[in-house]
């Protein structure tokens, strides 16, 4: 479930709430009891970066192949080479 941030427009109190996406937004401030909470826009709590994941990254023992997936697929990470402009 997502974590939403709220701020009271009256007293400035900030809080986080774990809610379902289908839940109605909170309205009442727990500090001053005013019905002036507003949902804040905030950055995501994670970032995807790097080269990505491969089929062999989370396998163990005999399931794991000796090379990386691009070397075993003819030099192409997708396997067929059809996605690479250089092969067309």
N, C-alpha and C. Protein backbone atom coordinates (compact mmCIF):
# COMPACT_ATOMS: atom_id res chain seq x y z
N UNK A 1 0.84 -1.18 0.00
CA UNK A 1 0.00 0.00 0.00
C UNK A 1 0.88 1.24 0.00
N UNK A 2 0.45 2.26 -0.72
CA UNK A 2 1.24 3.49 -0.79
C UNK A 2 1.21 4.29 0.52
N UNK A 3 2.24 5.08 0.70
CA UNK A 3 2.32 5.99 1.83
C UNK A 3 2.07 7.39 1.30
N UNK A 4 1.07 8.05 1.85
CA UNK A 4 0.73 9.41 1.43
C UNK A 4 1.14 10.40 2.50
N UNK A 5 1.55 11.60 2.06
CA UNK A 5 1.90 12.67 2.98
C UNK A 5 0.79 13.71 2.96
N UNK A 6 0.48 14.21 4.14
CA UNK A 6 -0.54 15.24 4.30
C UNK A 6 0.02 16.39 5.10
N UNK A 7 -0.54 17.59 4.89
CA UNK A 7 -0.18 18.75 5.70
C UNK A 7 -1.46 19.53 5.99
N UNK A 8 -1.57 19.95 7.24
CA UNK A 8 -2.71 20.76 7.68
C UNK A 8 -2.49 22.21 7.22
N UNK A 9 -3.49 22.77 6.59
CA UNK A 9 -3.38 24.15 6.14
C UNK A 9 -3.53 25.15 7.29
N UNK A 10 -4.14 24.72 8.40
CA UNK A 10 -4.30 25.62 9.55
C UNK A 10 -3.05 25.69 10.43
N UNK A 11 -2.62 24.52 10.92
CA UNK A 11 -1.51 24.53 11.89
C UNK A 11 -0.16 24.12 11.28
N UNK A 12 -0.15 23.61 10.04
CA UNK A 12 1.10 23.23 9.39
C UNK A 12 1.61 21.84 9.74
N UNK A 13 0.87 21.09 10.56
CA UNK A 13 1.29 19.74 10.96
C UNK A 13 1.38 18.84 9.73
N UNK A 14 2.47 18.06 9.64
CA UNK A 14 2.67 17.10 8.55
C UNK A 14 2.56 15.69 9.10
N UNK A 15 1.99 14.79 8.30
CA UNK A 15 1.90 13.39 8.70
C UNK A 15 1.94 12.49 7.47
N UNK A 16 2.25 11.23 7.70
CA UNK A 16 2.24 10.21 6.66
C UNK A 16 1.16 9.20 7.02
N UNK A 17 0.48 8.67 6.00
CA UNK A 17 -0.57 7.68 6.23
C UNK A 17 -0.46 6.58 5.18
N UNK A 18 -0.52 5.33 5.64
CA UNK A 18 -0.54 4.19 4.73
C UNK A 18 -2.01 3.94 4.39
N UNK A 19 -2.33 4.07 3.11
CA UNK A 19 -3.71 3.93 2.67
C UNK A 19 -3.76 3.16 1.35
N UNK A 20 -4.91 2.54 1.11
CA UNK A 20 -5.17 1.95 -0.20
C UNK A 20 -5.38 3.08 -1.19
N UNK A 21 -5.11 2.82 -2.45
CA UNK A 21 -5.34 3.84 -3.47
C UNK A 21 -6.82 4.19 -3.57
N UNK A 22 -7.69 3.25 -3.23
CA UNK A 22 -9.13 3.47 -3.33
C UNK A 22 -9.71 4.19 -2.10
N UNK A 23 -8.92 4.34 -1.03
CA UNK A 23 -9.40 5.04 0.18
C UNK A 23 -9.60 6.53 -0.10
N UNK A 24 -10.57 7.11 0.58
CA UNK A 24 -10.78 8.55 0.50
C UNK A 24 -9.63 9.26 1.20
N UNK A 25 -9.25 10.46 0.71
CA UNK A 25 -8.19 11.21 1.38
C UNK A 25 -8.59 11.59 2.80
N UNK A 26 -7.58 11.68 3.68
CA UNK A 26 -7.84 12.13 5.04
C UNK A 26 -8.21 13.61 5.02
N UNK A 27 -9.03 14.04 5.98
CA UNK A 27 -9.47 15.43 6.03
C UNK A 27 -9.18 16.10 7.37
N UNK A 28 -9.27 15.33 8.46
CA UNK A 28 -9.15 15.91 9.80
C UNK A 28 -7.73 15.82 10.34
N UNK A 29 -7.19 16.95 10.77
CA UNK A 29 -5.85 17.02 11.33
C UNK A 29 -5.85 16.42 12.73
N UNK A 30 -4.91 15.51 13.04
CA UNK A 30 -4.85 14.93 14.39
C UNK A 30 -4.34 15.91 15.45
N UNK A 31 -3.71 17.00 15.04
CA UNK A 31 -3.18 17.98 15.99
C UNK A 31 -4.22 19.02 16.41
N UNK A 32 -4.88 19.63 15.41
CA UNK A 32 -5.79 20.74 15.73
C UNK A 32 -7.26 20.41 15.45
N UNK A 33 -7.54 19.22 14.95
CA UNK A 33 -8.89 18.75 14.63
C UNK A 33 -9.60 19.55 13.55
N UNK A 34 -8.89 20.39 12.82
CA UNK A 34 -9.50 21.11 11.70
C UNK A 34 -9.60 20.19 10.50
N UNK A 35 -10.60 20.39 9.67
CA UNK A 35 -10.80 19.57 8.47
C UNK A 35 -10.09 20.20 7.28
N UNK A 36 -8.81 20.47 7.45
CA UNK A 36 -8.06 21.19 6.40
C UNK A 36 -6.80 20.44 5.94
N UNK A 37 -6.78 19.11 6.04
CA UNK A 37 -5.62 18.35 5.55
C UNK A 37 -5.62 18.34 4.03
N UNK A 38 -4.45 18.54 3.46
CA UNK A 38 -4.26 18.48 2.02
C UNK A 38 -3.17 17.46 1.72
N UNK A 39 -3.42 16.64 0.70
CA UNK A 39 -2.44 15.64 0.28
C UNK A 39 -1.30 16.34 -0.44
N UNK A 40 -0.06 15.99 -0.07
CA UNK A 40 1.12 16.58 -0.68
C UNK A 40 1.61 15.70 -1.82
N UNK A 41 2.27 16.31 -2.78
CA UNK A 41 2.91 15.58 -3.86
C UNK A 41 4.35 15.37 -3.43
N UNK A 42 4.80 14.13 -3.44
CA UNK A 42 6.17 13.84 -3.00
C UNK A 42 6.82 12.86 -3.96
N UNK A 43 8.13 12.77 -3.86
CA UNK A 43 8.91 11.87 -4.71
C UNK A 43 8.72 10.42 -4.29
N UNK A 44 8.90 9.54 -5.23
CA UNK A 44 8.82 8.11 -4.93
C UNK A 44 9.94 7.70 -3.98
N UNK A 45 9.71 6.66 -3.18
CA UNK A 45 10.68 6.22 -2.19
C UNK A 45 11.75 5.29 -2.74
N UNK A 46 11.78 5.06 -4.05
CA UNK A 46 12.79 4.19 -4.63
C UNK A 46 13.14 4.71 -6.02
N UNK A 47 14.27 4.26 -6.51
CA UNK A 47 14.71 4.67 -7.84
C UNK A 47 15.24 3.43 -8.56
N UNK A 48 14.81 3.26 -9.79
CA UNK A 48 15.33 2.17 -10.61
C UNK A 48 16.47 2.73 -11.45
N UNK A 49 17.66 2.18 -11.29
CA UNK A 49 18.78 2.64 -12.09
C UNK A 49 19.74 1.47 -12.29
N UNK A 50 20.62 1.63 -13.22
CA UNK A 50 21.57 0.57 -13.52
C UNK A 50 21.23 -0.12 -14.82
N UNK A 51 21.83 -1.26 -15.04
CA UNK A 51 21.67 -1.97 -16.30
C UNK A 51 20.45 -2.88 -16.33
N UNK A 52 19.78 -3.07 -15.21
CA UNK A 52 18.59 -3.92 -15.20
C UNK A 52 18.86 -5.25 -14.54
N UNK A 53 17.89 -6.12 -14.64
CA UNK A 53 18.00 -7.45 -14.05
C UNK A 53 18.08 -8.49 -15.15
N UNK A 54 18.71 -9.56 -14.85
CA UNK A 54 18.85 -10.65 -15.79
C UNK A 54 18.27 -11.92 -15.19
N UNK A 55 17.96 -12.87 -16.04
CA UNK A 55 17.36 -14.13 -15.61
C UNK A 55 18.21 -14.85 -14.58
N UNK A 56 19.52 -14.70 -14.67
CA UNK A 56 20.43 -15.44 -13.78
C UNK A 56 20.72 -14.73 -12.47
N UNK A 57 20.27 -13.51 -12.27
CA UNK A 57 20.62 -12.74 -11.09
C UNK A 57 20.17 -13.38 -9.77
N UNK A 58 19.03 -14.03 -9.75
CA UNK A 58 18.50 -14.54 -8.49
C UNK A 58 18.42 -16.06 -8.44
N UNK A 59 19.07 -16.72 -9.38
CA UNK A 59 19.10 -18.19 -9.36
C UNK A 59 20.29 -18.65 -8.54
N UNK A 60 20.19 -19.86 -8.03
CA UNK A 60 21.29 -20.37 -7.22
C UNK A 60 21.69 -21.76 -7.70
N UNK A 61 22.90 -22.15 -7.36
CA UNK A 61 23.39 -23.50 -7.63
C UNK A 61 23.43 -23.84 -9.10
N UNK A 62 22.93 -25.03 -9.46
CA UNK A 62 23.02 -25.53 -10.82
C UNK A 62 22.10 -24.79 -11.79
N UNK A 63 21.15 -24.03 -11.30
CA UNK A 63 20.25 -23.27 -12.17
C UNK A 63 20.94 -22.09 -12.83
N UNK A 64 22.01 -21.61 -12.20
CA UNK A 64 22.70 -20.42 -12.69
C UNK A 64 23.65 -20.81 -13.83
N UNK A 65 23.57 -20.10 -14.95
CA UNK A 65 24.44 -20.41 -16.07
C UNK A 65 25.80 -19.77 -15.86
N UNK A 66 26.77 -20.17 -16.65
CA UNK A 66 28.13 -19.68 -16.48
C UNK A 66 28.35 -18.27 -16.98
N UNK A 67 27.64 -17.85 -18.03
CA UNK A 67 27.86 -16.52 -18.59
C UNK A 67 26.66 -15.63 -18.38
N UNK A 68 26.78 -14.40 -18.86
CA UNK A 68 25.63 -13.53 -18.73
C UNK A 68 24.67 -13.78 -19.88
N UNK A 69 23.46 -13.28 -19.79
CA UNK A 69 22.43 -13.60 -20.75
C UNK A 69 22.73 -13.04 -22.13
N UNK A 70 23.44 -11.92 -22.23
CA UNK A 70 23.72 -11.34 -23.54
C UNK A 70 24.75 -12.18 -24.29
N UNK A 71 25.70 -12.78 -23.60
CA UNK A 71 26.71 -13.60 -24.26
C UNK A 71 26.11 -14.91 -24.76
N UNK A 72 25.17 -15.48 -24.01
CA UNK A 72 24.59 -16.76 -24.40
C UNK A 72 23.51 -16.61 -25.45
N UNK A 73 23.08 -15.38 -25.74
CA UNK A 73 22.00 -15.16 -26.70
C UNK A 73 22.55 -14.56 -27.98
N UNK A 74 23.75 -14.90 -28.35
CA UNK A 74 24.31 -14.40 -29.58
C UNK A 74 24.71 -12.94 -29.52
N UNK A 75 25.02 -12.44 -28.35
CA UNK A 75 25.47 -11.07 -28.21
C UNK A 75 24.35 -10.07 -28.02
N UNK A 76 23.12 -10.52 -27.93
CA UNK A 76 21.99 -9.61 -27.77
C UNK A 76 21.25 -9.95 -26.49
N UNK A 77 20.95 -8.93 -25.69
CA UNK A 77 20.28 -9.15 -24.41
C UNK A 77 18.87 -9.69 -24.60
N UNK A 78 18.23 -9.37 -25.73
CA UNK A 78 16.85 -9.83 -25.94
C UNK A 78 16.81 -11.25 -26.48
N UNK A 79 17.92 -11.78 -26.96
CA UNK A 79 17.96 -13.16 -27.42
C UNK A 79 17.87 -13.30 -28.93
N UNK A 80 17.01 -12.52 -29.57
CA UNK A 80 16.82 -12.68 -31.00
C UNK A 80 17.66 -11.71 -31.82
N UNK A 81 17.99 -10.57 -31.24
CA UNK A 81 18.71 -9.55 -31.98
C UNK A 81 17.79 -8.67 -32.79
N UNK A 82 16.50 -8.97 -32.81
CA UNK A 82 15.54 -8.20 -33.60
C UNK A 82 15.27 -6.81 -33.05
N UNK A 83 15.61 -6.59 -31.78
CA UNK A 83 15.34 -5.29 -31.19
C UNK A 83 16.47 -4.30 -31.43
N UNK A 84 17.59 -4.79 -31.91
CA UNK A 84 18.78 -3.94 -32.07
C UNK A 84 18.83 -3.39 -33.50
N UNK A 85 18.90 -2.05 -33.67
CA UNK A 85 18.96 -1.47 -35.02
C UNK A 85 20.17 -1.93 -35.80
N UNK A 86 21.27 -2.27 -35.17
CA UNK A 86 22.49 -2.67 -35.86
C UNK A 86 22.35 -4.00 -36.58
N UNK A 87 21.36 -4.82 -36.21
CA UNK A 87 21.23 -6.13 -36.83
C UNK A 87 20.26 -6.12 -37.99
N UNK A 88 19.64 -4.99 -38.26
CA UNK A 88 18.65 -4.91 -39.35
C UNK A 88 19.27 -4.43 -40.63
